[in-house]
PDB file of N, CA and C in Angstrom:
ATOM      1  N   MET A   1       0.922  -1.244   0.014  1.00  0.00           N
ATOM      2  CA  MET A   1       0.029  -0.067   0.157  1.00  0.00           C
ATOM      3  C   MET A   1       0.931   1.244   0.020  1.00  0.00           C
ATOM      4  N   LYS A   2       0.533   2.247  -0.957  1.00  0.00           N
ATOM      5  CA  LYS A   2       1.351   3.322  -0.919  1.00  0.00           C
ATOM      6  C   LYS A   2       0.465   4.704  -1.097  1.00  0.00           C
ATOM      7  N   HIS A   3       0.831   5.744  -0.708  1.00  0.00           N
ATOM      8  CA  HIS A   3       0.105   7.041  -0.931  1.00  0.00           C
ATOM      9  C   HIS A   3       0.815   7.949  -1.764  1.00  0.00           C
ATOM     10  N   LEU A   4       0.033   8.519  -2.755  1.00  0.00           N
ATOM     11  CA  LEU A   4       0.418   9.595  -3.800  1.00  0.00           C
ATOM     12  C   LEU A   4      -0.236  10.841  -3.325  1.00  0.00           C
ATOM     13  N   ASP A   5       0.600  11.817  -3.281  1.00  0.00           N
ATOM     14  CA  ASP A   5       0.160  13.299  -3.761  1.00  0.00           C
ATOM     15  C   ASP A   5       0.248  13.615  -5.222  1.00  0.00           C
ATOM     16  N   ILE A   6      -0.901  13.988  -5.730  1.00  0.00           N
ATOM     17  CA  ILE A   6      -0.767  14.272  -7.147  1.00  0.00           C
ATOM     18  C   ILE A   6      -1.049  15.822  -7.533  1.00  0.00           C
ATOM     19  N   LYS A   7      -0.524  16.576  -8.395  1.00  0.00           N
ATOM     20  CA  LYS A   7      -0.925  17.901  -8.908  1.00  0.00           C
ATOM     21  C   LYS A   7      -0.904  17.953 -10.261  1.00  0.00           C
ATOM     22  N   ILE A   8      -1.902  18.073 -10.902  1.00  0.00           N
ATOM     23  CA  ILE A   8      -2.071  18.024 -12.451  1.00  0.00           C
ATOM     24  C   ILE A   8      -2.408  19.498 -13.064  1.00  0.00           C
ATOM     25  N   PHE A   9      -1.561  19.930 -13.872  1.00  0.00           N
ATOM     26  CA  PHE A   9      -1.660  21.227 -14.692  1.00  0.00           C
ATOM     27  C   PHE A   9      -2.125  21.088 -15.766  1.00  0.00           C
ATOM     28  N   GLY A  10      -2.604  22.352 -16.592  1.00  0.00           N
ATOM     29  CA  GLY A  10      -3.100  22.252 -17.912  1.00  0.00           C
ATOM     30  C   GLY A  10      -4.692  22.720 -17.906  1.00  0.00           C
ATOM     31  N   ARG A  11      -5.218  22.318 -18.853  1.00  0.00           N
ATOM     32  CA  ARG A  11      -6.793  22.451 -18.937  1.00  0.00           C
ATOM     33  C   ARG A  11      -7.274  21.272 -18.373  1.00  0.00           C
ATOM     34  N   VAL A  12      -7.632  21.334 -17.077  1.00  0.00           N
ATOM     35  CA  VAL A  12      -8.087  20.212 -16.255  1.00  0.00           C
ATOM     36  C   VAL A  12      -9.331  20.573 -15.256  1.00  0.00           C
ATOM     37  N   GLN A  13      -9.748  21.842 -15.475  1.00  0.00           N
ATOM     38  CA  GLN A  13     -10.906  22.035 -14.832  1.00  0.00           C
ATOM     39  C   GLN A  13     -12.097  22.302 -15.776  1.00  0.00           C
ATOM     40  N   GLY A  14     -13.415  22.103 -15.539  1.00  0.00           N
ATOM     41  CA  GLY A  14     -14.301  22.151 -16.490  1.00  0.00           C
ATOM     42  C   GLY A  14     -14.362  21.190 -17.667  1.00  0.00           C
ATOM     43  N   VAL A  15     -13.836  20.160 -17.387  1.00  0.00           N
ATOM     44  CA  VAL A  15     -13.611  19.032 -18.459  1.00  0.00           C
ATOM     45  C   VAL A  15     -13.959  17.526 -17.726  1.00  0.00           C
ATOM     46  N   PHE A  16     -14.585  17.563 -16.678  1.00  0.00           N
ATOM     47  CA  PHE A  16     -15.150  16.291 -15.996  1.00  0.00           C
ATOM     48  C   PHE A  16     -13.901  15.457 -15.528  1.00  0.00           C
ATOM     49  N   PHE A  17     -12.865  16.274 -15.179  1.00  0.00           N
ATOM     50  CA  PHE A  17     -11.619  15.587 -14.835  1.00  0.00           C
ATOM     51  C   PHE A  17     -11.908  14.714 -13.172  1.00  0.00           C
ATOM     52  N   ARG A  18     -12.712  15.517 -12.416  1.00  0.00           N
ATOM     53  CA  ARG A  18     -12.730  15.017 -11.012  1.00  0.00           C
ATOM     54  C   ARG A  18     -13.657  13.736 -11.152  1.00  0.00           C
ATOM     55  N   ILE A  19     -14.875  13.795 -11.956  1.00  0.00           N
ATOM     56  CA  ILE A  19     -15.694  12.713 -12.098  1.00  0.00           C
ATOM     57  C   ILE A  19     -14.866  11.622 -12.697  1.00  0.00           C
ATOM     58  N   SER A  20     -14.381  11.760 -13.804  1.00  0.00           N
ATOM     59  CA  SER A  20     -13.386  10.762 -14.426  1.00  0.00           C
ATOM     60  C   SER A  20     -12.455  10.057 -13.574  1.00  0.00           C
ATOM     61  N   ALA A  21     -11.703  10.926 -12.767  1.00  0.00           N
ATOM     62  CA  ALA A  21     -10.775  10.422 -11.746  1.00  0.00           C
ATOM     63  C   ALA A  21     -11.433   9.625 -10.729  1.00  0.00           C
ATOM     64  N   ARG A  22     -12.631   9.951 -10.222  1.00  0.00           N
ATOM     65  CA  ARG A  22     -13.179   8.984  -9.285  1.00  0.00           C
ATOM     66  C   ARG A  22     -13.648   7.878  -9.936  1.00  0.00           C
ATOM     67  N   LYS A  23     -14.220   7.853 -11.134  1.00  0.00           N
ATOM     68  CA  LYS A  23     -14.619   6.455 -11.857  1.00  0.00           C
ATOM     69  C   LYS A  23     -13.390   5.698 -11.889  1.00  0.00           C
ATOM     70  N   LYS A  24     -12.286   6.163 -12.567  1.00  0.00           N
ATOM     71  CA  LYS A  24     -11.093   5.469 -12.684  1.00  0.00           C
ATOM     72  C   LYS A  24     -10.574   4.815 -11.413  1.00  0.00           C
ATOM     73  N   ALA A  25     -10.453   5.772 -10.311  1.00  0.00           N
ATOM     74  CA  ALA A  25      -9.940   5.249  -9.149  1.00  0.00           C
ATOM     75  C   ALA A  25     -10.757   4.034  -8.449  1.00  0.00           C
ATOM     76  N   GLU A  26     -12.073   4.377  -8.465  1.00  0.00           N
ATOM     77  CA  GLU A  26     -13.018   3.222  -8.041  1.00  0.00           C
ATOM     78  C   GLU A  26     -12.735   1.979  -8.993  1.00  0.00           C
ATOM     79  N   LYS A  27     -12.529   2.084 -10.273  1.00  0.00           N
ATOM     80  CA  LYS A  27     -12.302   0.841 -10.810  1.00  0.00           C
ATOM     81  C   LYS A  27     -10.954   0.174 -10.451  1.00  0.00           C
ATOM     82  N   LEU A  28     -10.032   0.938 -10.052  1.00  0.00           N
ATOM     83  CA  LEU A  28      -8.705   0.466  -9.751  1.00  0.00           C
ATOM     84  C   LEU A  28      -8.551   0.084  -7.959  1.00  0.00           C
ATOM     85  N   GLY A  29      -9.674   0.142  -7.420  1.00  0.00           N
ATOM     86  CA  GLY A  29      -9.704   0.070  -5.996  1.00  0.00           C
ATOM     87  C   GLY A  29      -8.715   1.019  -5.174  1.00  0.00           C
ATOM     88  N   ILE A  30      -8.740   2.236  -5.839  1.00  0.00           N
ATOM     89  CA  ILE A  30      -7.868   3.361  -5.077  1.00  0.00           C
ATOM     90  C   ILE A  30      -8.865   4.160  -4.296  1.00  0.00           C
ATOM     91  N   SER A  31      -8.336   4.618  -3.267  1.00  0.00           N
ATOM     92  CA  SER A  31      -9.165   5.437  -2.276  1.00  0.00           C
ATOM     93  C   SER A  31      -8.442   7.016  -2.247  1.00  0.00           C
ATOM     94  N   GLY A  32      -9.143   7.875  -1.839  1.00  0.00           N
ATOM     95  CA  GLY A  32      -8.532   9.126  -1.466  1.00  0.00           C
ATOM     96  C   GLY A  32      -9.609  10.261  -1.978  1.00  0.00           C
ATOM     97  N   TYR A  33      -8.947  11.305  -2.513  1.00  0.00           N
ATOM     98  CA  TYR A  33     -10.004  12.275  -3.030  1.00  0.00           C
ATOM     99  C   TYR A  33      -9.391  13.097  -4.223  1.00  0.00           C
ATOM    100  N   VAL A  34     -10.280  13.894  -4.915  1.00  0.00           N
ATOM    101  CA  VAL A  34      -9.591  14.608  -5.924  1.00  0.00           C
ATOM    102  C   VAL A  34     -10.692  16.012  -5.858  1.00  0.00           C
ATOM    103  N   LYS A  35      -9.658  17.203  -5.991  1.00  0.00           N
ATOM    104  CA  LYS A  35     -10.469  18.490  -6.021  1.00  0.00           C
ATOM    105  C   LYS A  35      -9.667  19.644  -6.921  1.00  0.00           C
ATOM    106  N   ASN A  36     -10.490  20.415  -7.270  1.00  0.00           N
ATOM    107  CA  ASN A  36     -10.146  21.787  -8.023  1.00  0.00           C
ATOM    108  C   ASN A  36      -9.404  22.660  -7.122  1.00  0.00           C
ATOM    109  N   MET A  37      -8.153  23.210  -7.585  1.00  0.00           N
ATOM    110  CA  MET A  37      -7.745  24.236  -6.774  1.00  0.00           C
ATOM    111  C   MET A  37      -7.976  25.597  -7.215  1.00  0.00           C
ATOM    112  N   GLU A  38      -7.571  26.602  -6.650  1.00  0.00           N
ATOM    113  CA  GLU A  38      -7.796  28.118  -6.985  1.00  0.00           C
ATOM    114  C   GLU A  38      -6.840  28.400  -8.071  1.00  0.00           C
ATOM    115  N   ASP A  39      -5.664  27.825  -8.149  1.00  0.00           N
ATOM    116  CA  ASP A  39      -4.773  27.912  -9.168  1.00  0.00           C
ATOM    117  C   ASP A  39      -5.027  27.263 -10.623  1.00  0.00           C
ATOM    118  N   LYS A  40      -6.091  26.675 -10.581  1.00  0.00           N
ATOM    119  CA  LYS A  40      -6.697  25.969 -11.695  1.00  0.00           C
ATOM    120  C   LYS A  40      -5.990  24.755 -12.097  1.00  0.00           C
ATOM    121  N   THR A  41      -5.475  24.176 -10.992  1.00  0.00           N
ATOM    122  CA  THR A  41      -4.883  22.806 -11.076  1.00  0.00           C
ATOM    123  C   THR A  41      -5.973  21.787 -10.564  1.00  0.00           C
ATOM    124  N   VAL A  42      -5.609  20.673 -10.560  1.00  0.00           N
ATOM    125  CA  VAL A  42      -6.401  19.497  -9.916  1.00  0.00           C
ATOM    126  C   VAL A  42      -5.381  18.842  -8.790  1.00  0.00           C
ATOM    127  N   LYS A  43      -5.930  18.699  -7.688  1.00  0.00           N
ATOM    128  CA  LYS A  43      -4.960  18.048  -6.724  1.00  0.00           C
ATOM    129  C   LYS A  43      -5.800  16.739  -6.195  1.00  0.00           C
ATOM    130  N   ILE A  44      -4.914  15.525  -6.067  1.00  0.00           N
ATOM    131  CA  ILE A  44      -5.411  14.179  -5.852  1.00  0.00           C
ATOM    132  C   ILE A  44      -4.492  13.587  -4.941  1.00  0.00           C
ATOM    133  N   GLU A  45      -5.062  13.125  -3.878  1.00  0.00           N
ATOM    134  CA  GLU A  45      -4.422  12.200  -2.739  1.00  0.00           C
ATOM    135  C   GLU A  45      -5.070  10.757  -3.133  1.00  0.00           C
ATOM    136  N   ALA A  46      -4.194   9.879  -3.387  1.00  0.00           N
ATOM    137  CA  ALA A  46      -4.504   8.535  -3.698  1.00  0.00           C
ATOM    138  C   ALA A  46      -3.791   7.497  -2.789  1.00  0.00           C
ATOM    139  N   GLU A  47      -4.630   6.483  -2.442  1.00  0.00           N
ATOM    140  CA  GLU A  47      -3.797   5.202  -1.750  1.00  0.00           C
ATOM    141  C   GLU A  47      -4.303   4.061  -2.371  1.00  0.00           C
ATOM    142  N   GLY A  48      -3.465   3.096  -2.434  1.00  0.00           N
ATOM    143  CA  GLY A  48      -3.924   1.812  -3.149  1.00  0.00           C
ATOM    144  C   GLY A  48      -2.553   1.073  -3.074  1.00  0.00           C
ATOM    145  N   GLU A  49      -2.762  -0.005  -4.018  1.00  0.00           N
ATOM    146  CA  GLU A  49      -1.602  -1.062  -4.374  1.00  0.00           C
ATOM    147  C   GLU A  49      -0.736  -0.397  -5.461  1.00  0.00           C
ATOM    148  N   GLU A  50       0.520  -0.659  -5.368  1.00  0.00           N
ATOM    149  CA  GLU A  50       1.460   0.134  -6.239  1.00  0.00           C
ATOM    150  C   GLU A  50       1.369   0.036  -7.723  1.00  0.00           C
ATOM    151  N   GLU A  51       0.965  -1.083  -8.197  1.00  0.00           N
ATOM    152  CA  GLU A  51       0.603  -1.213  -9.500  1.00  0.00           C
ATOM    153  C   GLU A  51      -0.640  -0.557 -10.026  1.00  0.00           C
ATOM    154  N   ASN A  52      -1.725  -0.534  -9.036  1.00  0.00           N
ATOM    155  CA  ASN A  52      -2.749   0.178  -9.383  1.00  0.00           C
ATOM    156  C   ASN A  52      -2.607   1.672  -9.435  1.00  0.00           C
ATOM    157  N   LEU A  53      -1.738   2.082  -8.603  1.00  0.00           N
ATOM    158  CA  LEU A  53      -1.427   3.604  -8.472  1.00  0.00           C
ATOM    159  C   LEU A  53      -0.599   4.122  -9.776  1.00  0.00           C
ATOM    160  N   LYS A  54       0.201   3.110 -10.092  1.00  0.00           N
ATOM    161  CA  LYS A  54       1.040   3.323 -11.446  1.00  0.00           C
ATOM    162  C   LYS A  54       0.015   3.512 -12.617  1.00  0.00           C
ATOM    163  N   ASN A  55      -1.204   2.638 -12.694  1.00  0.00           N
ATOM    164  CA  ASN A  55      -2.012   2.581 -13.683  1.00  0.00           C
ATOM    165  C   ASN A  55      -2.808   3.965 -13.606  1.00  0.00           C
ATOM    166  N   PHE A  56      -3.143   4.397 -12.497  1.00  0.00           N
ATOM    167  CA  PHE A  56      -3.780   5.505 -12.120  1.00  0.00           C
ATOM    168  C   PHE A  56      -3.078   6.916 -12.464  1.00  0.00           C
ATOM    169  N   LEU A  57      -1.800   6.895 -12.162  1.00  0.00           N
ATOM    170  CA  LEU A  57      -0.972   7.955 -12.722  1.00  0.00           C
ATOM    171  C   LEU A  57      -0.811   8.005 -14.274  1.00  0.00           C
ATOM    172  N   ASP A  58      -0.810   6.821 -14.949  1.00  0.00           N
ATOM    173  CA  ASP A  58      -0.889   6.970 -16.397  1.00  0.00           C
ATOM    174  C   ASP A  58      -1.953   7.492 -16.849  1.00  0.00           C
ATOM    175  N   TRP A  59      -3.170   7.219 -16.295  1.00  0.00           N
ATOM    176  CA  TRP A  59      -4.426   7.811 -16.715  1.00  0.00           C
ATOM    177  C   TRP A  59      -4.492   9.262 -16.488  1.00  0.00           C
ATOM    178  N   CYS A  60      -4.033   9.720 -15.268  1.00  0.00           N
ATOM    179  CA  CYS A  60      -3.771  11.215 -14.846  1.00  0.00           C
ATOM    180  C   CYS A  60      -3.122  11.848 -15.743  1.00  0.00           C
ATOM    181  N   ARG A  61      -2.049  11.287 -16.543  1.00  0.00           N
ATOM    182  CA  ARG A  61      -1.302  12.148 -17.448  1.00  0.00           C
ATOM    183  C   ARG A  61      -1.976  12.276 -18.727  1.00  0.00           C
ATOM    184  N   LYS A  62      -3.118  11.809 -18.885  1.00  0.00           N
ATOM    185  CA  LYS A  62      -4.089  12.048 -20.067  1.00  0.00           C
ATOM    186  C   LYS A  62      -5.231  12.739 -19.799  1.00  0.00           C
ATOM    187  N   GLY A  63      -5.916  12.168 -18.678  1.00  0.00           N
ATOM    188  CA  GLY A  63      -7.168  12.518 -18.075  1.00  0.00           C
ATOM    189  C   GLY A  63      -8.384  12.169 -19.080  1.00  0.00           C
ATOM    190  N   PRO A  64      -9.606  12.840 -18.931  1.00  0.00           N
ATOM    191  CA  PRO A  64     -10.624  12.595 -19.709  1.00  0.00           C
ATOM    192  C   PRO A  64     -10.375  13.214 -21.164  1.00  0.00           C
ATOM    193  N   LEU A  65     -11.209  12.710 -21.956  1.00  0.00           N
ATOM    194  CA  LEU A  65     -11.214  13.265 -23.255  1.00  0.00           C
ATOM    195  C   LEU A  65     -10.883  14.828 -23.656  1.00  0.00           C
ATOM    196  N   MET A  66     -11.564  15.550 -22.895  1.00  0.00           N
ATOM    197  CA  MET A  66     -11.361  17.170 -23.275  1.00  0.00           C
ATOM    198  C   MET A  66     -10.288  17.735 -22.480  1.00  0.00           C
ATOM    199  N   ALA A  67      -9.863  17.010 -21.507  1.00  0.00           N
ATOM    200  CA  ALA A  67      -8.572  17.661 -20.766  1.00  0.00           C
ATOM    201  C   ALA A  67      -7.196  17.619 -21.707  1.00  0.00           C
ATOM    202  N   LYS A  68      -6.377  18.697 -21.141  1.00  0.00           N
ATOM    203  CA  LYS A  68      -5.076  18.853 -21.849  1.00  0.00           C
ATOM    204  C   LYS A  68      -4.144  18.956 -20.837  1.00  0.00           C
ATOM    205  N   VAL A  69      -3.434  17.733 -20.316  1.00  0.00           N
ATOM    206  CA  VAL A  69      -2.404  17.867 -19.327  1.00  0.00           C
ATOM    207  C   VAL A  69      -1.258  18.312 -19.623  1.00  0.00           C
ATOM    208  N   SER A  70      -0.655  19.433 -18.944  1.00  0.00           N
ATOM    209  CA  SER A  70       0.420  19.820 -19.577  1.00  0.00           C
ATOM    210  C   SER A  70       1.562  19.507 -18.667  1.00  0.00           C
ATOM    211  N   ARG A  71       1.245  19.003 -17.420  1.00  0.00           N
ATOM    212  CA  ARG A  71       2.403  18.524 -16.453  1.00  0.00           C
ATOM    213  C   ARG A  71       1.692  18.023 -15.363  1.00  0.00           C
ATOM    214  N   LEU A  72       2.323  16.990 -14.711  1.00  0.00           N
ATOM    215  CA  LEU A  72       1.890  16.295 -13.542  1.00  0.00           C
ATOM    216  C   LEU A  72       3.044  16.064 -12.704  1.00  0.00           C
ATOM    217  N   ASP A  73       2.934  16.604 -11.256  1.00  0.00           N
ATOM    218  CA  ASP A  73       3.848  16.256 -10.360  1.00  0.00           C
ATOM    219  C   ASP A  73       3.194  15.496  -9.304  1.00  0.00           C
ATOM    220  N   HIS A  74       4.159  14.485  -8.892  1.00  0.00           N
ATOM    221  CA  HIS A  74       3.573  13.647  -7.719  1.00  0.00           C
ATOM    222  C   HIS A  74       4.661  13.223  -6.762  1.00  0.00           C
ATOM    223  N   GLU A  75       4.275  12.932  -5.468  1.00  0.00           N
ATOM    224  CA  GLU A  75       5.163  12.574  -4.376  1.00  0.00           C
ATOM    225  C   GLU A  75       4.544  11.227  -3.745  1.00  0.00           C
ATOM    226  N   GLU A  76       5.416  10.175  -3.743  1.00  0.00           N
ATOM    227  CA  GLU A  76       5.093   8.841  -3.222  1.00  0.00           C
ATOM    228  C   GLU A  76       5.424   8.960  -1.647  1.00  0.00           C
ATOM    229  N   SER A  77       4.534   8.288  -0.886  1.00  0.00           N
ATOM    230  CA  SER A  77       4.922   7.974   0.481  1.00  0.00           C
ATOM    231  C   SER A  77       4.489   6.793   1.057  1.00  0.00           C
ATOM    232  N   GLU A  78       4.770   6.368   2.176  1.00  0.00           N
ATOM    233  CA  GLU A  78       4.116   5.086   2.915  1.00  0.00           C
ATOM    234  C   GLU A  78       3.158   5.604   4.008  1.00  0.00           C
ATOM    235  N   ASP A  79       3.031   7.003   4.089  1.00  0.00           N
ATOM    236  CA  ASP A  79       2.289   7.441   5.091  1.00  0.00           C
ATOM    237  C   ASP A  79       0.992   7.433   4.624  1.00  0.00           C
ATOM    238  N   ILE A  80       0.087   6.176   5.144  1.00  0.00           N
ATOM    239  CA  ILE A  80      -1.179   6.019   4.700  1.00  0.00           C
ATOM    240  C   ILE A  80      -2.335   6.604   5.513  1.00  0.00           C
ATOM    241  N   LYS A  81      -3.066   7.220   4.974  1.00  0.00           N
ATOM    242  CA  LYS A  81      -4.382   8.097   5.658  1.00  0.00           C
ATOM    243  C   LYS A  81      -5.463   7.287   6.007  1.00  0.00           C
ATOM    244  N   GLY A  82      -5.553   6.277   5.294  1.00  0.00           N
ATOM    245  CA  GLY A  82      -6.695   5.278   5.472  1.00  0.00           C
ATOM    246  C   GLY A  82      -8.018   5.744   4.969  1.00  0.00           C
ATOM    247  N   TYR A  83      -7.854   6.391   3.647  1.00  0.00           N
ATOM    248  CA  TYR A  83      -9.319   6.859   3.056  1.00  0.00           C
ATOM    249  C   TYR A  83     -10.239   5.793   2.905  1.00  0.00           C
ATOM    250  N   LYS A  84     -11.450   6.007   3.071  1.00  0.00           N
ATOM    251  CA  LYS A  84     -12.689   5.018   2.646  1.00  0.00           C
ATOM    252  C   LYS A  84     -13.173   5.648   1.419  1.00  0.00           C
ATOM    253  N   GLY A  85     -12.961   4.777   0.429  1.00  0.00           N
ATOM    254  CA  GLY A  85     -13.509   5.276  -0.842  1.00  0.00           C
ATOM    255  C   GLY A  85     -12.752   6.510  -1.549  1.00  0.00           C
ATOM    256  N   PHE A  86     -13.385   6.950  -2.609  1.00  0.00           N
ATOM    257  CA  PHE A  86     -12.533   8.079  -3.372  1.00  0.00           C
ATOM    258  C   PHE A  86     -13.674   9.070  -3.543  1.00  0.00           C
ATOM    259  N   GLU A  87     -13.391  10.269  -2.966  1.00  0.00           N
ATOM    260  CA  GLU A  87     -14.476  11.373  -2.960  1.00  0.00           C
ATOM    261  C   GLU A  87     -14.048  12.603  -3.878  1.00  0.00           C
ATOM    262  N   ILE A  88     -14.953  13.189  -4.457  1.00  0.00           N
ATOM    263  CA  ILE A  88     -14.692  14.498  -4.929  1.00  0.00           C
ATOM    264  C   ILE A  88     -14.975  15.508  -3.831  1.00  0.00           C
ATOM    265  N   GLU A  89     -13.827  16.403  -3.739  1.00  0.00           N
ATOM    266  CA  GLU A  89     -14.073  17.582  -2.698  1.00  0.00           C
ATOM    267  C   GLU A  89     -14.314  18.625  -3.543  1.00  0.00           C
ATOM    268  N   TYR A  90     -15.330  19.569  -3.192  1.00  0.00           N
ATOM    269  CA  TYR A  90     -15.755  20.699  -3.762  1.00  0.00           C
ATOM    270  C   TYR A  90     -15.166  22.000  -3.219  1.00  0.00           C
ATOM    271  N   LYS A  91     -14.367  21.913  -2.222  1.00  0.00           N
ATOM    272  CA  LYS A  91     -13.812  22.969  -1.664  1.00  0.00           C
ATOM    273  C   LYS A  91     -12.433  23.419  -2.549  1.00  0.00           C
ATOM    274  N   THR A  92     -12.306  24.533  -3.211  1.00  0.00           N
ATOM    275  CA  THR A  92     -11.151  24.926  -3.843  1.00  0.00           C
ATOM    276  C   THR A  92      -9.856  25.263  -3.433  1.00  0.00           C
ATOM    277  N   THR A  93      -9.959  25.458  -2.116  1.00  0.00           N
ATOM    278  CA  THR A  93      -8.579  25.952  -1.420  1.00  0.00           C
ATOM    279  C   THR A  93      -8.060  24.689  -0.605  1.00  0.00           C
ATOM    280  N   ASP A  94      -6.668  24.771  -0.195  1.00  0.00           N
ATOM    281  CA  ASP A  94      -6.000  23.800   0.383  1.00  0.00           C
ATOM    282  C   ASP A  94      -6.099  23.769   1.872  1.00  0.00           C
TER     283      ASP A  94
END
């Protein structure tokens, strides 16, 4: 089990990124959350098995059809927060 902090840059708001990320995370058995940030990025915290997180990161580099991801930053840790499910957070500040 690993934890990822992910920040996604580009045209990633207003393109169903959060909803699509939740669907992909649920399909892969990943828990955590996704939210839009005031700086027009998307922030994700994700926890799951290493291979599933790798697949999720690969998806995040492209995102849904309308998204244009220009950059993805991520940090990995073993500091598991124990999320239950994968949620969309609607608060835009950190």
